[in-house]
Amino acid sequence: MDVTQRGTGEAVAFDFVLNVQQDPGGGPPPPGTSWVAGHAYNAGDTVTYSGATYACLQAHTSQTG
């Protein structure tokens, strides 16, 4: 923390480092069923679409497009 005089007051500057884990670990999600439009998915469900595997982050019903 650096404090400097500015007129009759003070200015403060903070230096910090934020370490964010870049690799959540655990590897890719396990292969799931094929993705289907109009299906209700739960968080954590996995599906395969065009050869790629996806994990559902938020419960929802899938839609085309």
N, C-alpha and C. Protein backbone atom coordinates (compact mmCIF):
# COMPACT_ATOMS: atom_id res chain seq x y z
N MET A 1 0.85 -1.17 0.00
CA MET A 1 0.00 0.00 0.00
C MET A 1 0.90 1.23 0.00
N ASP A 2 0.59 2.16 -0.88
CA ASP A 2 1.33 3.42 -0.95
C ASP A 2 0.38 4.57 -0.61
N VAL A 3 0.80 5.42 0.30
CA VAL A 3 0.01 6.59 0.67
C VAL A 3 0.80 7.83 0.30
N THR A 4 0.18 8.73 -0.46
CA THR A 4 0.83 9.98 -0.85
C THR A 4 -0.08 11.16 -0.48
N GLN A 5 0.53 12.30 -0.25
CA GLN A 5 -0.22 13.51 0.05
C GLN A 5 -0.78 14.10 -1.24
N ARG A 6 -2.05 14.47 -1.22
CA ARG A 6 -2.69 15.14 -2.35
C ARG A 6 -3.42 16.36 -1.80
N GLY A 7 -2.79 17.50 -1.93
CA GLY A 7 -3.38 18.72 -1.37
C GLY A 7 -3.51 18.58 0.13
N THR A 8 -4.73 18.71 0.64
CA THR A 8 -4.95 18.58 2.08
C THR A 8 -5.34 17.15 2.48
N GLY A 9 -5.41 16.26 1.48
CA GLY A 9 -5.79 14.88 1.78
C GLY A 9 -4.69 13.90 1.40
N GLU A 10 -5.04 12.65 1.37
CA GLU A 10 -4.11 11.60 1.02
C GLU A 10 -4.71 10.73 -0.09
N ALA A 11 -3.82 10.18 -0.92
CA ALA A 11 -4.23 9.23 -1.96
C ALA A 11 -3.58 7.89 -1.62
N VAL A 12 -4.34 6.82 -1.79
CA VAL A 12 -3.85 5.49 -1.45
C VAL A 12 -3.90 4.62 -2.70
N ALA A 13 -2.81 3.87 -2.93
CA ALA A 13 -2.75 2.91 -4.04
C ALA A 13 -2.44 1.54 -3.47
N PHE A 14 -3.16 0.54 -3.93
CA PHE A 14 -2.96 -0.83 -3.47
C PHE A 14 -2.40 -1.67 -4.61
N ASP A 15 -1.40 -2.47 -4.33
CA ASP A 15 -0.88 -3.45 -5.27
C ASP A 15 -1.17 -4.82 -4.69
N PHE A 16 -1.76 -5.69 -5.51
CA PHE A 16 -2.03 -7.04 -5.03
C PHE A 16 -1.97 -8.01 -6.20
N VAL A 17 -1.83 -9.27 -5.86
CA VAL A 17 -1.81 -10.33 -6.86
C VAL A 17 -2.98 -11.25 -6.56
N LEU A 18 -3.74 -11.57 -7.60
CA LEU A 18 -4.87 -12.47 -7.46
C LEU A 18 -4.53 -13.76 -8.18
N ASN A 19 -4.36 -14.82 -7.44
CA ASN A 19 -4.04 -16.12 -8.03
C ASN A 19 -5.34 -16.86 -8.32
N VAL A 20 -5.58 -17.14 -9.60
CA VAL A 20 -6.77 -17.85 -10.03
C VAL A 20 -6.34 -19.17 -10.63
N GLN A 21 -6.89 -20.25 -10.12
CA GLN A 21 -6.55 -21.57 -10.63
C GLN A 21 -7.02 -21.68 -12.07
N GLN A 22 -6.11 -21.99 -12.98
CA GLN A 22 -6.44 -22.06 -14.40
C GLN A 22 -6.93 -23.43 -14.84
N ASP A 23 -6.55 -24.47 -14.10
CA ASP A 23 -6.94 -25.82 -14.45
C ASP A 23 -7.74 -26.39 -13.30
N PRO A 24 -9.06 -26.51 -13.46
CA PRO A 24 -9.86 -27.01 -12.34
C PRO A 24 -9.59 -28.47 -12.01
N GLY A 25 -8.83 -29.15 -12.86
CA GLY A 25 -8.49 -30.55 -12.60
C GLY A 25 -9.64 -31.49 -12.88
N GLY A 26 -9.38 -32.74 -12.69
CA GLY A 26 -10.44 -33.71 -12.89
C GLY A 26 -10.57 -34.19 -14.32
N GLY A 27 -9.94 -33.51 -15.26
CA GLY A 27 -10.01 -33.93 -16.66
C GLY A 27 -11.35 -33.60 -17.28
N PRO A 28 -11.52 -34.02 -18.52
CA PRO A 28 -12.77 -33.72 -19.22
C PRO A 28 -13.94 -34.49 -18.62
N PRO A 29 -15.15 -33.98 -18.79
CA PRO A 29 -16.30 -34.70 -18.26
C PRO A 29 -16.46 -36.03 -18.97
N PRO A 30 -17.05 -37.02 -18.31
CA PRO A 30 -17.25 -38.31 -18.97
C PRO A 30 -18.22 -38.17 -20.14
N PRO A 31 -18.08 -38.99 -21.16
CA PRO A 31 -19.01 -38.90 -22.29
C PRO A 31 -20.44 -39.11 -21.82
N GLY A 32 -21.34 -38.34 -22.40
CA GLY A 32 -22.75 -38.47 -22.04
C GLY A 32 -23.55 -38.97 -23.22
N THR A 33 -24.82 -38.78 -23.12
CA THR A 33 -25.70 -39.16 -24.21
C THR A 33 -25.64 -38.09 -25.29
N SER A 34 -26.20 -38.37 -26.44
CA SER A 34 -26.24 -37.38 -27.51
C SER A 34 -27.20 -36.26 -27.14
N TRP A 35 -26.83 -35.03 -27.48
CA TRP A 35 -27.66 -33.85 -27.20
C TRP A 35 -28.96 -33.95 -27.98
N VAL A 36 -30.06 -33.54 -27.35
CA VAL A 36 -31.38 -33.59 -27.96
C VAL A 36 -32.10 -32.27 -27.68
N ALA A 37 -32.71 -31.69 -28.70
CA ALA A 37 -33.51 -30.47 -28.51
C ALA A 37 -34.78 -30.82 -27.75
N GLY A 38 -35.22 -29.90 -26.89
CA GLY A 38 -36.45 -30.08 -26.14
C GLY A 38 -36.31 -30.98 -24.93
N HIS A 39 -35.08 -31.25 -24.51
CA HIS A 39 -34.83 -32.13 -23.36
C HIS A 39 -34.50 -31.28 -22.13
N ALA A 40 -35.01 -31.67 -20.97
CA ALA A 40 -34.70 -30.97 -19.72
C ALA A 40 -33.39 -31.53 -19.16
N TYR A 41 -32.36 -30.69 -19.11
CA TYR A 41 -31.06 -31.09 -18.58
C TYR A 41 -30.86 -30.51 -17.19
N ASN A 42 -30.18 -31.26 -16.33
CA ASN A 42 -29.85 -30.81 -14.98
C ASN A 42 -28.39 -30.40 -14.93
N ALA A 43 -28.05 -29.52 -14.00
CA ALA A 43 -26.64 -29.14 -13.82
C ALA A 43 -25.84 -30.41 -13.54
N GLY A 44 -24.72 -30.55 -14.25
CA GLY A 44 -23.87 -31.73 -14.09
C GLY A 44 -24.09 -32.79 -15.16
N ASP A 45 -25.22 -32.72 -15.89
CA ASP A 45 -25.44 -33.66 -16.98
C ASP A 45 -24.39 -33.45 -18.05
N THR A 46 -23.99 -34.50 -18.73
CA THR A 46 -23.06 -34.37 -19.85
C THR A 46 -23.71 -34.90 -21.10
N VAL A 47 -23.40 -34.25 -22.23
CA VAL A 47 -23.91 -34.66 -23.53
C VAL A 47 -22.80 -34.58 -24.56
N THR A 48 -22.99 -35.29 -25.64
CA THR A 48 -22.05 -35.24 -26.75
C THR A 48 -22.77 -34.61 -27.95
N TYR A 49 -22.08 -33.68 -28.60
CA TYR A 49 -22.64 -33.01 -29.78
C TYR A 49 -21.51 -32.76 -30.76
N SER A 50 -21.65 -33.26 -31.98
CA SER A 50 -20.64 -33.12 -33.04
C SER A 50 -19.26 -33.58 -32.56
N GLY A 51 -19.23 -34.66 -31.79
CA GLY A 51 -17.97 -35.23 -31.36
C GLY A 51 -17.35 -34.60 -30.12
N ALA A 52 -17.94 -33.52 -29.61
CA ALA A 52 -17.42 -32.85 -28.41
C ALA A 52 -18.34 -33.16 -27.23
N THR A 53 -17.76 -33.26 -26.03
CA THR A 53 -18.54 -33.52 -24.82
C THR A 53 -18.71 -32.22 -24.04
N TYR A 54 -19.93 -31.96 -23.62
CA TYR A 54 -20.26 -30.73 -22.88
C TYR A 54 -20.88 -31.10 -21.55
N ALA A 55 -20.60 -30.28 -20.52
CA ALA A 55 -21.22 -30.45 -19.20
C ALA A 55 -22.19 -29.31 -18.98
N CYS A 56 -23.39 -29.63 -18.52
CA CYS A 56 -24.41 -28.63 -18.25
C CYS A 56 -24.07 -27.89 -16.96
N LEU A 57 -24.03 -26.57 -17.01
CA LEU A 57 -23.70 -25.76 -15.84
C LEU A 57 -24.94 -25.27 -15.11
N GLN A 58 -26.06 -25.15 -15.84
CA GLN A 58 -27.29 -24.62 -15.25
C GLN A 58 -28.46 -25.42 -15.81
N ALA A 59 -29.34 -25.88 -14.94
CA ALA A 59 -30.52 -26.63 -15.38
C ALA A 59 -31.32 -25.81 -16.39
N HIS A 60 -31.75 -26.47 -17.48
CA HIS A 60 -32.53 -25.80 -18.51
C HIS A 60 -33.13 -26.83 -19.46
N THR A 61 -34.03 -26.39 -20.32
CA THR A 61 -34.56 -27.23 -21.39
C THR A 61 -33.89 -26.77 -22.69
N SER A 62 -33.29 -27.69 -23.41
CA SER A 62 -32.54 -27.35 -24.62
C SER A 62 -33.49 -26.90 -25.73
N GLN A 63 -32.95 -26.05 -26.60
CA GLN A 63 -33.72 -25.51 -27.74
C GLN A 63 -32.88 -25.62 -29.00
N THR A 64 -33.53 -25.71 -30.14
CA THR A 64 -32.81 -25.71 -31.41
C THR A 64 -32.28 -24.31 -31.68
N GLY A 65 -31.18 -24.24 -32.46
CA GLY A 65 -30.61 -22.97 -32.87
C GLY A 65 -29.76 -22.37 -31.81
